[in-house]
Amino acid sequence: MTGSVLAVMAHPDDLELWAGGTLALHAQQAPVIGAVRAHDDIRDAEAVTSAEILGIRLESLKDVDAAAVGELIVRHRPDILITHPVDDVHPDHRAAAAAVLAGLPDAHIATGTPRRLYTCDTYNSLTLSGQVNASVIVDVTATFARKMRALAAHSSQPIEDHFGPMARHQSGLWGGRIGVAHAEAFTAVPILGRLPGAAHL
């Protein structure tokens, strides 16, 4: 059964760019909440429209900090939490990931959730430590068109000439690794020393 998802990211278009196909896929079977820091009226409105396209619920945060993350976990009790790589090249992404790592332990002890924590992809799949080493690759071929429509809703950003081509390129590369047209990559992160288990290889 598909679990509920909380995705905590830095910018209004990060949900779509790095995990949009996966979020849309999960939203077909379980609640999905995307939480991003509020920006200006234009970008915030684009984020609302984009979330509606993906079929997810959007939460706009004044600050993406440990307290906000802990409150989100306690209130929503997600099965799965997604954020940016802790060694992302973008400082705002690193700050969001650090907030997740700081806010998660107490909330997890109090609620038992999330049970799985993943970091998403990043710019050209390169972090400060090297290439993204994905432990999970999700086939998003069925939801890729929705991901791209959601990304295009951020018309104030350089989607057509920059983020759009990058999203298509990266999804094609990850897809090629598992023999599908489009995929998104995620890396499992331990929660208090535990990683997600699998019943079979």
Foldseek 3Di string as FASTA:
>chain_A
DQWEEEEEEEFLLPCLLWPLLVLLVSLVPYAYEYEYEDDDPLSVVLSVVLCVLSNYHYDYHPDLALVVLLVCCLVPVTQEYEAADCQAPDPSRVRNVVRNVNNPQVSCVVRVDHNWYKYWAHQVQAGPVGGPDFPDKADSVVCNVSSLVSSVSSVVDPCPPPSVVRSQVVQCVSCVVVVHRGIIGIHTDDRVNDHDDDPDD
